[in-house]
């Protein structure tokens, strides 16, 4: 039996499934993420108490160690992947706090206060990197069944005399995350007005067939993309 595929065009699925939503504090990030269909919120900053979305709070006081938090996170993602649920969207709020949990897990494991003190050349940094890569890979895998929305805080910085907006997630990990995403959404608040704008997208998502797969509010954002 041949291992090669048939020499014919394959069907392409252009449905956007993984989104990164960024913006400063109180700019509507969580609000917009929870507009996605049937979401479950995996939260780190306590915002889950401000919305009606079913949620898991990783930094709840009952989880006293980073080991408990890591086991909870990966346990939830595993259950979502392996079982049938009523959820359609997974929201991660905030990804930089997940990064802190990945780092804290390593520090706790080796009983040190800095990754440089972990025995072995760059061992602490490597383990943190692997932990974070595993999180991002798991989220990408879940797009086979769910929409995945990853929220990050952003800040404005001056780089080479130009003002740029940057995620608070460490840059190389944000690049990895954005590389897995289908679209990036920016949220801002000017006065009492909330502004949501698509800043990057992998494909042209204006096709009518794709529109049926994306909720109305997010499709409106995509339609406004220039």
N, C-alpha and C. Protein backbone atom coordinates (compact mmCIF):
# COMPACT_ATOMS: atom_id res chain seq x y z
N UNK A 1 0.84 -1.19 0.00
CA UNK A 1 0.00 0.00 0.00
C UNK A 1 0.88 1.25 0.00
N UNK A 2 0.60 2.17 -0.91
CA UNK A 2 1.41 3.37 -1.02
C UNK A 2 1.16 4.33 0.14
N UNK A 3 2.21 4.98 0.59
CA UNK A 3 2.10 5.99 1.64
C UNK A 3 1.87 7.38 1.07
N UNK A 4 1.90 7.49 -0.26
CA UNK A 4 1.78 8.80 -0.90
C UNK A 4 0.32 9.18 -1.09
N UNK A 5 0.01 10.46 -0.98
CA UNK A 5 -1.37 10.90 -1.24
C UNK A 5 -1.67 10.89 -2.73
N UNK A 6 -2.95 10.89 -3.07
CA UNK A 6 -3.34 10.99 -4.47
C UNK A 6 -2.89 12.34 -5.03
N UNK A 7 -2.47 12.33 -6.28
CA UNK A 7 -2.01 13.55 -6.92
C UNK A 7 -3.22 14.35 -7.41
N UNK A 8 -3.90 14.96 -6.46
CA UNK A 8 -5.08 15.76 -6.77
C UNK A 8 -5.25 16.83 -5.70
N UNK A 9 -5.89 17.96 -6.05
CA UNK A 9 -6.07 19.03 -5.06
C UNK A 9 -6.84 18.56 -3.84
N UNK A 10 -6.45 19.04 -2.69
CA UNK A 10 -7.16 18.70 -1.45
C UNK A 10 -8.07 19.85 -1.05
N UNK A 11 -9.09 19.52 -0.26
CA UNK A 11 -10.02 20.54 0.21
C UNK A 11 -9.35 21.40 1.27
N UNK A 12 -9.52 22.71 1.15
CA UNK A 12 -8.91 23.66 2.08
C UNK A 12 -9.96 24.17 3.07
N UNK A 13 -9.61 24.16 4.35
CA UNK A 13 -10.48 24.73 5.38
C UNK A 13 -9.90 26.09 5.79
N UNK A 14 -10.56 27.16 5.35
CA UNK A 14 -10.08 28.51 5.64
C UNK A 14 -10.73 29.12 6.88
N UNK A 15 -11.49 28.33 7.61
CA UNK A 15 -12.16 28.87 8.79
C UNK A 15 -11.14 29.34 9.83
N UNK A 16 -11.16 30.61 10.22
CA UNK A 16 -10.25 31.06 11.28
C UNK A 16 -10.66 30.44 12.62
N UNK A 17 -9.72 29.77 13.28
CA UNK A 17 -10.04 29.08 14.52
C UNK A 17 -9.27 29.60 15.73
N UNK A 18 -8.09 30.19 15.50
CA UNK A 18 -7.28 30.65 16.64
C UNK A 18 -7.04 32.15 16.52
N UNK A 19 -7.44 32.87 17.57
CA UNK A 19 -7.35 34.32 17.60
C UNK A 19 -6.48 34.78 18.76
N UNK A 20 -5.73 35.84 18.55
CA UNK A 20 -5.05 36.55 19.63
C UNK A 20 -5.73 37.91 19.77
N UNK A 21 -6.20 38.22 20.98
CA UNK A 21 -6.82 39.52 21.24
C UNK A 21 -5.94 40.28 22.22
N UNK A 22 -5.46 41.44 21.79
CA UNK A 22 -4.56 42.24 22.62
C UNK A 22 -5.10 43.64 22.87
N UNK A 23 -4.66 44.23 23.95
CA UNK A 23 -5.06 45.60 24.27
C UNK A 23 -4.67 45.94 25.69
N UNK A 24 -4.70 47.23 26.04
CA UNK A 24 -4.40 47.63 27.41
C UNK A 24 -5.49 47.19 28.38
N UNK A 25 -5.28 47.42 29.65
CA UNK A 25 -6.27 47.06 30.67
C UNK A 25 -7.58 47.77 30.40
N UNK A 26 -8.68 47.06 30.65
CA UNK A 26 -10.04 47.60 30.54
C UNK A 26 -10.36 48.14 29.14
N UNK A 27 -9.88 47.43 28.12
CA UNK A 27 -10.14 47.84 26.74
C UNK A 27 -11.16 46.95 26.04
N UNK A 28 -11.73 45.99 26.78
CA UNK A 28 -12.77 45.14 26.20
C UNK A 28 -12.28 43.81 25.68
N UNK A 29 -11.08 43.38 26.08
CA UNK A 29 -10.52 42.13 25.58
C UNK A 29 -11.35 40.92 26.00
N UNK A 30 -11.59 40.79 27.29
CA UNK A 30 -12.36 39.65 27.79
C UNK A 30 -13.79 39.71 27.29
N UNK A 31 -14.36 40.90 27.27
CA UNK A 31 -15.74 41.08 26.78
C UNK A 31 -15.86 40.57 25.35
N UNK A 32 -14.93 40.96 24.48
CA UNK A 32 -14.99 40.52 23.08
C UNK A 32 -14.72 39.03 22.94
N UNK A 33 -13.78 38.51 23.74
CA UNK A 33 -13.48 37.08 23.66
C UNK A 33 -14.70 36.25 24.05
N UNK A 34 -15.44 36.73 25.02
CA UNK A 34 -16.61 35.97 25.49
C UNK A 34 -17.81 36.11 24.57
N UNK A 35 -17.68 36.88 23.47
CA UNK A 35 -18.71 36.92 22.45
C UNK A 35 -18.66 35.69 21.54
N UNK A 36 -17.54 35.00 21.56
CA UNK A 36 -17.42 33.80 20.74
C UNK A 36 -18.45 32.77 21.22
N UNK A 37 -18.84 31.85 20.36
CA UNK A 37 -19.91 30.92 20.72
C UNK A 37 -19.53 29.97 21.86
N UNK A 38 -20.43 29.83 22.83
CA UNK A 38 -20.33 28.87 23.94
C UNK A 38 -18.91 28.77 24.51
N UNK A 39 -18.41 29.85 25.10
CA UNK A 39 -17.02 29.84 25.58
C UNK A 39 -16.85 29.26 26.98
N UNK A 40 -15.65 28.74 27.22
CA UNK A 40 -15.19 28.44 28.57
C UNK A 40 -13.95 29.30 28.78
N UNK A 41 -13.87 29.94 29.94
CA UNK A 41 -12.80 30.91 30.22
C UNK A 41 -11.80 30.30 31.18
N UNK A 42 -10.54 30.20 30.74
CA UNK A 42 -9.45 29.79 31.61
C UNK A 42 -8.72 31.06 32.00
N UNK A 43 -8.91 31.49 33.25
CA UNK A 43 -8.56 32.84 33.66
C UNK A 43 -7.45 32.85 34.71
N UNK A 44 -6.68 33.94 34.70
CA UNK A 44 -5.60 34.07 35.68
C UNK A 44 -5.68 35.35 36.51
N UNK A 45 -6.40 36.37 36.02
CA UNK A 45 -6.36 37.68 36.68
C UNK A 45 -7.61 38.03 37.47
N UNK A 46 -8.54 37.08 37.60
CA UNK A 46 -9.73 37.33 38.39
C UNK A 46 -10.89 37.94 37.63
N UNK A 47 -10.70 38.22 36.33
CA UNK A 47 -11.78 38.81 35.54
C UNK A 47 -12.97 37.86 35.36
N UNK A 48 -12.75 36.58 35.66
CA UNK A 48 -13.83 35.62 35.51
C UNK A 48 -15.00 35.95 36.43
N UNK A 49 -14.73 36.69 37.49
CA UNK A 49 -15.81 37.08 38.41
C UNK A 49 -16.64 38.23 37.87
N UNK A 50 -16.20 38.82 36.75
CA UNK A 50 -16.88 39.97 36.15
C UNK A 50 -17.75 39.58 34.96
N UNK A 51 -17.72 38.30 34.58
CA UNK A 51 -18.50 37.85 33.43
C UNK A 51 -19.28 36.59 33.81
N UNK A 52 -20.30 36.29 33.04
CA UNK A 52 -21.15 35.13 33.34
C UNK A 52 -20.64 33.86 32.67
N UNK A 53 -19.56 33.96 31.92
CA UNK A 53 -19.00 32.82 31.19
C UNK A 53 -18.50 31.75 32.17
N UNK A 54 -18.82 30.47 31.95
CA UNK A 54 -18.25 29.41 32.78
C UNK A 54 -16.73 29.50 32.78
N UNK A 55 -16.11 29.38 33.96
CA UNK A 55 -14.68 29.68 34.02
C UNK A 55 -13.94 28.79 35.01
N UNK A 56 -12.64 28.75 34.79
CA UNK A 56 -11.69 28.10 35.69
C UNK A 56 -10.65 29.14 36.05
N UNK A 57 -10.47 29.38 37.34
CA UNK A 57 -9.55 30.42 37.81
C UNK A 57 -8.27 29.76 38.30
N UNK A 58 -7.21 29.84 37.48
CA UNK A 58 -5.97 29.14 37.79
C UNK A 58 -5.27 29.68 39.03
N UNK A 59 -5.47 30.97 39.32
CA UNK A 59 -4.79 31.57 40.46
C UNK A 59 -5.66 31.61 41.71
N UNK A 60 -6.70 30.77 41.73
CA UNK A 60 -7.51 30.64 42.93
C UNK A 60 -6.62 30.21 44.10
N UNK A 61 -6.89 30.74 45.28
CA UNK A 61 -6.06 30.46 46.46
C UNK A 61 -5.99 28.98 46.81
N UNK A 62 -6.99 28.22 46.35
CA UNK A 62 -6.97 26.79 46.70
C UNK A 62 -5.88 26.04 45.96
N UNK A 63 -5.35 26.64 44.88
CA UNK A 63 -4.22 26.04 44.18
C UNK A 63 -2.96 26.72 44.71
N UNK A 64 -2.33 26.09 45.68
CA UNK A 64 -1.27 26.75 46.44
C UNK A 64 0.10 26.68 45.77
N UNK A 65 0.30 25.75 44.87
CA UNK A 65 1.61 25.59 44.24
C UNK A 65 1.50 25.73 42.72
N UNK A 66 2.64 26.05 42.10
CA UNK A 66 2.66 26.13 40.64
C UNK A 66 2.43 24.76 40.02
N UNK A 67 2.85 23.72 40.71
CA UNK A 67 2.63 22.36 40.24
C UNK A 67 1.13 22.09 40.12
N UNK A 68 0.37 22.52 41.12
CA UNK A 68 -1.08 22.33 41.09
C UNK A 68 -1.70 23.12 39.93
N UNK A 69 -1.21 24.33 39.71
CA UNK A 69 -1.75 25.16 38.63
C UNK A 69 -1.44 24.56 37.26
N UNK A 70 -0.21 24.07 37.09
CA UNK A 70 0.17 23.45 35.82
C UNK A 70 -0.64 22.19 35.57
N UNK A 71 -0.81 21.38 36.61
CA UNK A 71 -1.58 20.15 36.46
C UNK A 71 -3.04 20.45 36.13
N UNK A 72 -3.58 21.51 36.74
CA UNK A 72 -4.95 21.91 36.45
C UNK A 72 -5.08 22.37 35.00
N UNK A 73 -4.15 23.23 34.56
CA UNK A 73 -4.20 23.75 33.19
C UNK A 73 -4.15 22.63 32.17
N UNK A 74 -3.15 21.77 32.28
CA UNK A 74 -3.01 20.70 31.29
C UNK A 74 -4.10 19.65 31.44
N UNK A 75 -4.60 19.47 32.66
CA UNK A 75 -5.71 18.55 32.86
C UNK A 75 -6.98 19.03 32.17
N UNK A 76 -7.25 20.34 32.27
CA UNK A 76 -8.42 20.93 31.62
C UNK A 76 -8.29 20.83 30.10
N UNK A 77 -7.11 21.18 29.57
CA UNK A 77 -6.91 21.12 28.12
C UNK A 77 -7.03 19.69 27.61
N UNK A 78 -6.53 18.73 28.39
CA UNK A 78 -6.62 17.32 28.02
C UNK A 78 -8.08 16.86 27.99
N UNK A 79 -8.83 17.25 29.01
CA UNK A 79 -10.24 16.86 29.06
C UNK A 79 -11.03 17.47 27.91
N UNK A 80 -10.76 18.73 27.60
CA UNK A 80 -11.44 19.38 26.48
C UNK A 80 -11.11 18.68 25.17
N UNK A 81 -9.90 18.19 25.05
CA UNK A 81 -9.47 17.53 23.81
C UNK A 81 -10.05 16.13 23.68
N UNK A 82 -10.16 15.42 24.79
CA UNK A 82 -10.49 14.00 24.73
C UNK A 82 -11.96 13.68 24.96
N UNK A 83 -12.73 14.64 25.42
CA UNK A 83 -14.14 14.37 25.69
C UNK A 83 -15.03 15.30 24.86
N UNK A 84 -16.27 14.88 24.68
CA UNK A 84 -17.26 15.71 23.99
C UNK A 84 -17.86 16.69 25.00
N UNK A 85 -17.88 17.95 24.66
CA UNK A 85 -18.42 18.97 25.55
C UNK A 85 -19.41 19.85 24.80
N UNK A 86 -20.11 20.70 25.54
CA UNK A 86 -21.02 21.67 24.94
C UNK A 86 -20.31 22.96 24.56
N UNK A 87 -19.03 23.07 24.93
CA UNK A 87 -18.30 24.29 24.63
C UNK A 87 -17.87 24.32 23.16
N UNK A 88 -17.77 25.53 22.62
CA UNK A 88 -17.29 25.72 21.26
C UNK A 88 -16.03 26.59 21.21
N UNK A 89 -15.77 27.30 22.30
CA UNK A 89 -14.64 28.24 22.32
C UNK A 89 -13.88 28.10 23.64
N UNK A 90 -12.54 28.11 23.55
CA UNK A 90 -11.68 28.15 24.72
C UNK A 90 -11.00 29.51 24.77
N UNK A 91 -11.16 30.21 25.88
CA UNK A 91 -10.56 31.54 26.04
C UNK A 91 -9.46 31.45 27.10
N UNK A 92 -8.26 31.88 26.74
CA UNK A 92 -7.14 31.95 27.68
C UNK A 92 -6.93 33.42 28.07
N UNK A 93 -7.05 33.72 29.34
CA UNK A 93 -7.01 35.10 29.80
C UNK A 93 -6.25 35.16 31.15
N UNK A 94 -4.95 35.39 31.19
CA UNK A 94 -4.07 36.03 30.21
C UNK A 94 -2.90 35.09 29.89
N UNK A 95 -2.37 35.17 28.67
CA UNK A 95 -1.31 34.26 28.27
C UNK A 95 0.00 34.56 28.98
N UNK A 96 0.28 35.84 29.30
CA UNK A 96 1.54 36.15 30.00
C UNK A 96 1.53 35.63 31.43
N UNK A 97 0.35 35.49 32.01
CA UNK A 97 0.27 34.87 33.34
C UNK A 97 0.51 33.37 33.25
N UNK A 98 0.09 32.76 32.15
CA UNK A 98 0.40 31.35 31.91
C UNK A 98 1.92 31.17 31.82
N UNK A 99 2.56 32.12 31.15
CA UNK A 99 4.03 32.11 31.07
C UNK A 99 4.64 32.15 32.46
N UNK A 100 4.11 33.00 33.33
CA UNK A 100 4.62 33.11 34.70
C UNK A 100 4.43 31.79 35.46
N UNK A 101 3.33 31.12 35.20
CA UNK A 101 3.09 29.82 35.84
C UNK A 101 4.11 28.80 35.34
N UNK A 102 4.40 28.83 34.03
CA UNK A 102 5.40 27.92 33.47
C UNK A 102 6.78 28.16 34.10
N UNK A 103 7.10 29.43 34.33
CA UNK A 103 8.39 29.75 34.97
C UNK A 103 8.36 29.40 36.44
N UNK A 104 7.27 29.75 37.11
CA UNK A 104 7.16 29.44 38.53
C UNK A 104 7.24 27.96 38.82
N UNK A 105 6.71 27.15 37.91
CA UNK A 105 6.77 25.70 38.06
C UNK A 105 8.22 25.21 38.11
N UNK A 106 9.06 25.79 37.24
CA UNK A 106 10.47 25.40 37.20
C UNK A 106 11.20 25.86 38.46
N UNK A 107 10.96 27.10 38.87
CA UNK A 107 11.59 27.62 40.08
C UNK A 107 11.22 26.78 41.30
N UNK A 108 9.95 26.45 41.38
CA UNK A 108 9.46 25.64 42.50
C UNK A 108 10.06 24.24 42.48
N UNK A 109 10.15 23.68 41.30
CA UNK A 109 10.69 22.32 41.13
C UNK A 109 12.12 22.21 41.65
N UNK A 110 12.93 23.23 41.36
CA UNK A 110 14.34 23.20 41.76
C UNK A 110 14.61 23.98 43.04
N UNK A 111 13.56 24.58 43.61
CA UNK A 111 13.67 25.33 44.87
C UNK A 111 14.70 26.45 44.76
N UNK A 112 14.58 27.25 43.68
CA UNK A 112 15.45 28.40 43.48
C UNK A 112 14.58 29.63 43.22
N UNK A 113 15.21 30.81 43.26
CA UNK A 113 14.45 32.04 43.03
C UNK A 113 14.79 32.70 41.70
N UNK A 114 15.64 32.02 40.90
CA UNK A 114 16.00 32.55 39.59
C UNK A 114 16.35 31.38 38.67
N UNK A 115 15.93 31.46 37.43
CA UNK A 115 16.19 30.36 36.50
C UNK A 115 17.68 30.11 36.29
N UNK A 116 18.49 31.15 36.46
CA UNK A 116 19.93 30.99 36.28
C UNK A 116 20.55 30.10 37.35
N UNK A 117 19.82 29.88 38.45
CA UNK A 117 20.34 29.06 39.55
C UNK A 117 19.98 27.58 39.41
N UNK A 118 19.22 27.25 38.37
CA UNK A 118 18.89 25.85 38.12
C UNK A 118 20.15 25.14 37.64
N UNK A 119 20.50 23.99 38.22
CA UNK A 119 21.73 23.29 37.82
C UNK A 119 21.72 22.93 36.33
N UNK A 120 22.89 23.04 35.72
CA UNK A 120 23.02 22.71 34.31
C UNK A 120 22.97 23.96 33.44
N UNK A 121 23.62 23.89 32.29
CA UNK A 121 23.69 25.06 31.41
C UNK A 121 22.31 25.38 30.82
N UNK A 122 21.76 26.53 31.19
CA UNK A 122 20.48 27.03 30.67
C UNK A 122 19.32 26.07 30.89
N UNK A 123 19.46 25.16 31.86
CA UNK A 123 18.41 24.15 32.09
C UNK A 123 17.09 24.80 32.47
N UNK A 124 17.13 25.79 33.36
CA UNK A 124 15.90 26.43 33.80
C UNK A 124 15.17 27.12 32.66
N UNK A 125 15.91 27.84 31.84
CA UNK A 125 15.30 28.55 30.70
C UNK A 125 14.75 27.56 29.68
N UNK A 126 15.48 26.46 29.50
CA UNK A 126 15.02 25.44 28.54
C UNK A 126 13.72 24.80 29.01
N UNK A 127 13.64 24.48 30.30
CA UNK A 127 12.42 23.85 30.82
C UNK A 127 11.24 24.81 30.74
N UNK A 128 11.48 26.08 31.05
CA UNK A 128 10.40 27.07 30.90
C UNK A 128 9.94 27.15 29.45
N UNK A 129 10.87 27.16 28.53
CA UNK A 129 10.55 27.23 27.10
C UNK A 129 9.72 26.03 26.67
N UNK A 130 10.13 24.84 27.11
CA UNK A 130 9.40 23.63 26.74
C UNK A 130 7.99 23.66 27.31
N UNK A 131 7.84 24.09 28.57
CA UNK A 131 6.52 24.19 29.18
C UNK A 131 5.61 25.11 28.38
N UNK A 132 6.14 26.27 28.00
CA UNK A 132 5.33 27.25 27.27
C UNK A 132 5.02 26.76 25.87
N UNK A 133 5.98 26.13 25.23
CA UNK A 133 5.73 25.56 23.91
C UNK A 133 4.64 24.49 23.97
N UNK A 134 4.65 23.71 25.04
CA UNK A 134 3.62 22.68 25.20
C UNK A 134 2.24 23.29 25.36
N UNK A 135 2.15 24.42 26.05
CA UNK A 135 0.87 25.11 26.19
C UNK A 135 0.36 25.57 24.83
N UNK A 136 1.22 26.26 24.08
CA UNK A 136 0.81 26.80 22.79
C UNK A 136 0.46 25.69 21.81
N UNK A 137 1.24 24.61 21.83
CA UNK A 137 0.95 23.46 20.95
C UNK A 137 -0.39 22.83 21.31
N UNK A 138 -0.65 22.69 22.61
CA UNK A 138 -1.92 22.11 23.04
C UNK A 138 -3.10 22.97 22.59
N UNK A 139 -2.94 24.29 22.67
CA UNK A 139 -4.02 25.19 22.24
C UNK A 139 -4.25 25.07 20.73
N UNK A 140 -3.17 25.00 19.97
CA UNK A 140 -3.31 24.85 18.52
C UNK A 140 -4.00 23.54 18.18
N UNK A 141 -3.66 22.48 18.88
CA UNK A 141 -4.29 21.18 18.65
C UNK A 141 -5.79 21.25 18.90
N UNK A 142 -6.19 22.02 19.88
CA UNK A 142 -7.61 22.13 20.24
C UNK A 142 -8.44 22.85 19.17
N UNK A 143 -7.77 23.53 18.22
CA UNK A 143 -8.53 24.17 17.14
C UNK A 143 -9.18 23.15 16.22
N UNK A 144 -8.83 21.89 16.36
CA UNK A 144 -9.53 20.84 15.61
C UNK A 144 -10.97 20.69 16.06
N UNK A 145 -11.25 21.14 17.29
CA UNK A 145 -12.60 21.00 17.86
C UNK A 145 -13.23 22.33 18.27
N UNK A 146 -12.41 23.32 18.57
CA UNK A 146 -12.91 24.56 19.18
C UNK A 146 -12.30 25.79 18.50
N UNK A 147 -12.96 26.94 18.70
CA UNK A 147 -12.27 28.21 18.53
C UNK A 147 -11.37 28.37 19.75
N UNK A 148 -10.20 28.93 19.55
CA UNK A 148 -9.30 29.23 20.66
C UNK A 148 -8.98 30.72 20.61
N UNK A 149 -9.23 31.42 21.72
CA UNK A 149 -8.99 32.85 21.80
C UNK A 149 -8.00 33.10 22.93
N UNK A 150 -6.86 33.69 22.60
CA UNK A 150 -5.80 33.94 23.58
C UNK A 150 -5.70 35.45 23.81
N UNK A 151 -5.84 35.86 25.06
CA UNK A 151 -5.83 37.27 25.42
C UNK A 151 -4.47 37.67 25.99
N UNK A 152 -4.00 38.85 25.57
CA UNK A 152 -2.76 39.38 26.11
C UNK A 152 -2.89 40.87 26.38
N UNK A 153 -2.28 41.34 27.47
CA UNK A 153 -2.16 42.78 27.71
C UNK A 153 -1.11 43.34 26.75
N UNK A 154 -1.33 44.56 26.27
CA UNK A 154 -0.34 45.23 25.44
C UNK A 154 0.05 46.56 26.07
N UNK A 155 1.25 47.01 25.73
CA UNK A 155 1.74 48.32 26.17
C UNK A 155 2.36 49.03 24.98
N UNK A 156 2.32 50.35 25.00
CA UNK A 156 2.95 51.15 23.96
C UNK A 156 4.38 51.49 24.38
N UNK A 157 5.33 51.22 23.49
CA UNK A 157 6.74 51.51 23.76
C UNK A 157 7.34 52.26 22.58
N UNK A 158 8.40 53.00 22.85
CA UNK A 158 9.13 53.69 21.79
C UNK A 158 10.34 52.85 21.41
N UNK A 159 10.38 52.42 20.15
CA UNK A 159 11.48 51.62 19.63
C UNK A 159 12.02 52.31 18.38
N UNK A 160 13.30 52.66 18.41
CA UNK A 160 13.91 53.37 17.27
C UNK A 160 13.12 54.61 16.90
N UNK A 161 12.75 55.37 17.92
CA UNK A 161 12.03 56.64 17.76
C UNK A 161 10.61 56.46 17.20
N UNK A 162 10.10 55.23 17.22
CA UNK A 162 8.75 54.98 16.77
C UNK A 162 7.94 54.34 17.89
N UNK A 163 6.69 54.75 18.03
CA UNK A 163 5.82 54.14 19.04
C UNK A 163 5.23 52.85 18.50
N UNK A 164 5.43 51.77 19.22
CA UNK A 164 4.91 50.47 18.81
C UNK A 164 4.12 49.86 19.96
N UNK A 165 3.14 49.06 19.62
CA UNK A 165 2.33 48.35 20.61
C UNK A 165 2.86 46.94 20.73
N UNK A 166 3.18 46.53 21.96
CA UNK A 166 3.80 45.22 22.17
C UNK A 166 3.05 44.43 23.24
N UNK A 167 2.98 43.13 23.04
CA UNK A 167 2.41 42.25 24.05
C UNK A 167 3.31 42.20 25.27
N UNK A 168 2.71 42.01 26.43
CA UNK A 168 3.49 41.85 27.65
C UNK A 168 4.05 40.44 27.79
N UNK A 169 3.66 39.55 26.88
CA UNK A 169 4.28 38.23 26.82
C UNK A 169 5.69 38.39 26.25
N UNK A 170 6.64 37.66 26.80
CA UNK A 170 8.03 37.72 26.31
C UNK A 170 8.05 37.57 24.79
N UNK A 171 8.84 38.41 24.12
CA UNK A 171 8.72 38.59 22.67
C UNK A 171 8.84 37.30 21.87
N UNK A 172 9.83 36.45 22.17
CA UNK A 172 10.00 35.26 21.35
C UNK A 172 8.83 34.30 21.48
N UNK A 173 8.17 34.30 22.66
CA UNK A 173 7.01 33.44 22.83
C UNK A 173 5.78 34.05 22.16
N UNK A 174 5.70 35.38 22.15
CA UNK A 174 4.59 36.01 21.44
C UNK A 174 4.70 35.74 19.94
N UNK A 175 5.91 35.78 19.41
CA UNK A 175 6.11 35.47 17.99
C UNK A 175 5.65 34.05 17.69
N UNK A 176 5.97 33.12 18.58
CA UNK A 176 5.53 31.73 18.42
C UNK A 176 4.01 31.65 18.45
N UNK A 177 3.38 32.33 19.40
CA UNK A 177 1.93 32.32 19.53
C UNK A 177 1.27 32.92 18.30
N UNK A 178 1.75 34.09 17.86
CA UNK A 178 1.15 34.76 16.71
C UNK A 178 1.31 33.91 15.45
N UNK A 179 2.41 33.17 15.38
CA UNK A 179 2.63 32.29 14.24
C UNK A 179 1.63 31.16 14.15
N UNK A 180 1.04 30.77 15.28
CA UNK A 180 0.03 29.72 15.30
C UNK A 180 -1.37 30.27 15.05
N UNK A 181 -1.56 31.58 15.25
CA UNK A 181 -2.89 32.18 15.18
C UNK A 181 -3.33 32.40 13.74
N UNK A 182 -4.65 32.49 13.57
CA UNK A 182 -5.23 32.82 12.26
C UNK A 182 -5.50 34.30 12.13
N UNK A 183 -5.67 34.97 13.27
CA UNK A 183 -5.98 36.40 13.23
C UNK A 183 -5.58 37.05 14.54
N UNK A 184 -5.22 38.34 14.46
CA UNK A 184 -4.87 39.13 15.63
C UNK A 184 -5.83 40.31 15.70
N UNK A 185 -6.42 40.51 16.88
CA UNK A 185 -7.40 41.57 17.09
C UNK A 185 -6.89 42.55 18.14
N UNK A 186 -7.01 43.84 17.87
CA UNK A 186 -6.59 44.88 18.80
C UNK A 186 -7.81 45.55 19.42
N UNK A 187 -7.79 45.72 20.74
CA UNK A 187 -8.87 46.40 21.45
C UNK A 187 -8.34 47.68 22.09
N UNK A 188 -9.11 48.76 21.97
CA UNK A 188 -8.75 50.02 22.59
C UNK A 188 -10.00 50.69 23.12
N UNK A 189 -9.81 51.57 24.11
CA UNK A 189 -10.91 52.38 24.61
C UNK A 189 -10.51 53.84 24.54
N UNK A 190 -11.31 54.62 23.80
CA UNK A 190 -11.09 56.06 23.69
C UNK A 190 -12.30 56.76 24.29
N UNK A 191 -12.11 57.36 25.46
CA UNK A 191 -13.25 57.93 26.17
C UNK A 191 -14.20 56.82 26.59
N UNK A 192 -15.44 56.91 26.14
CA UNK A 192 -16.42 55.87 26.42
C UNK A 192 -16.64 54.94 25.24
N UNK A 193 -15.77 55.07 24.22
CA UNK A 193 -15.93 54.28 23.00
C UNK A 193 -14.91 53.15 22.95
N UNK A 194 -15.40 51.93 22.73
CA UNK A 194 -14.53 50.77 22.57
C UNK A 194 -14.30 50.54 21.09
N UNK A 195 -13.03 50.36 20.71
CA UNK A 195 -12.67 50.16 19.31
C UNK A 195 -11.99 48.80 19.16
N UNK A 196 -12.52 47.98 18.28
CA UNK A 196 -11.96 46.67 18.01
C UNK A 196 -11.56 46.60 16.54
N UNK A 197 -10.32 46.18 16.28
CA UNK A 197 -9.82 46.19 14.91
C UNK A 197 -8.96 44.96 14.64
N UNK A 198 -9.19 44.33 13.50
CA UNK A 198 -8.33 43.24 13.07
C UNK A 198 -7.03 43.83 12.54
N UNK A 199 -5.90 43.40 13.08
CA UNK A 199 -4.61 43.95 12.65
C UNK A 199 -3.82 42.98 11.77
N UNK A 200 -4.05 41.69 11.93
CA UNK A 200 -3.39 40.69 11.09
C UNK A 200 -4.35 39.53 10.88
N UNK A 201 -4.27 38.90 9.70
CA UNK A 201 -5.03 37.66 9.49
C UNK A 201 -4.32 36.80 8.46
N UNK A 202 -4.47 35.50 8.62
CA UNK A 202 -3.74 34.55 7.80
C UNK A 202 -4.30 34.46 6.38
N UNK A 203 -5.62 34.56 6.24
CA UNK A 203 -6.26 34.43 4.94
C UNK A 203 -7.34 35.50 4.79
N UNK A 204 -7.93 35.55 3.62
CA UNK A 204 -9.06 36.44 3.39
C UNK A 204 -10.31 35.74 3.90
N UNK A 205 -10.82 36.22 5.04
CA UNK A 205 -11.94 35.55 5.68
C UNK A 205 -13.29 36.18 5.34
N UNK A 206 -13.40 36.79 4.17
CA UNK A 206 -14.65 37.41 3.78
C UNK A 206 -15.55 36.47 2.99
N UNK A 207 -15.04 35.30 2.67
CA UNK A 207 -15.81 34.31 1.91
C UNK A 207 -17.10 33.96 2.65
N UNK A 208 -18.19 33.85 1.92
CA UNK A 208 -19.50 33.61 2.53
C UNK A 208 -19.55 32.32 3.33
N UNK A 209 -18.87 31.29 2.85
CA UNK A 209 -18.89 30.01 3.55
C UNK A 209 -18.20 30.12 4.91
N UNK A 210 -17.12 30.89 4.96
CA UNK A 210 -16.41 31.09 6.21
C UNK A 210 -17.25 31.91 7.18
N UNK A 211 -17.98 32.89 6.66
CA UNK A 211 -18.79 33.75 7.51
C UNK A 211 -19.81 32.96 8.31
N UNK A 212 -20.29 31.85 7.76
CA UNK A 212 -21.27 31.04 8.47
C UNK A 212 -20.65 30.38 9.69
N UNK A 213 -19.33 30.23 9.70
CA UNK A 213 -18.65 29.53 10.78
C UNK A 213 -18.18 30.45 11.91
N UNK A 214 -18.26 31.76 11.68
CA UNK A 214 -17.75 32.71 12.65
C UNK A 214 -18.89 33.54 13.19
N UNK A 215 -18.88 33.80 14.51
CA UNK A 215 -20.01 34.52 15.08
C UNK A 215 -20.10 35.94 14.53
N UNK A 216 -21.27 36.50 14.57
CA UNK A 216 -21.58 37.76 13.90
C UNK A 216 -20.65 38.90 14.31
N UNK A 217 -20.40 39.05 15.63
CA UNK A 217 -19.61 40.16 16.11
C UNK A 217 -18.17 40.09 15.58
N UNK A 218 -17.58 38.89 15.60
CA UNK A 218 -16.21 38.75 15.12
C UNK A 218 -16.16 38.92 13.61
N UNK A 219 -17.19 38.46 12.89
CA UNK A 219 -17.21 38.64 11.44
C UNK A 219 -17.24 40.12 11.08
N UNK A 220 -17.91 40.91 11.90
CA UNK A 220 -17.94 42.35 11.65
C UNK A 220 -16.54 42.95 11.77
N UNK A 221 -15.76 42.44 12.72
CA UNK A 221 -14.38 42.90 12.87
C UNK A 221 -13.57 42.52 11.63
N UNK A 222 -13.74 41.28 11.19
CA UNK A 222 -13.00 40.80 10.02
C UNK A 222 -13.35 41.61 8.78
N UNK A 223 -14.63 41.94 8.63
CA UNK A 223 -15.08 42.70 7.46
C UNK A 223 -14.45 44.08 7.41
N UNK A 224 -14.12 44.63 8.60
CA UNK A 224 -13.56 45.97 8.65
C UNK A 224 -12.04 45.97 8.44
N UNK A 225 -11.46 44.79 8.28
CA UNK A 225 -10.00 44.71 8.13
C UNK A 225 -9.57 45.35 6.82
N UNK A 226 -8.50 46.12 6.88
CA UNK A 226 -7.94 46.73 5.66
C UNK A 226 -6.49 46.26 5.51
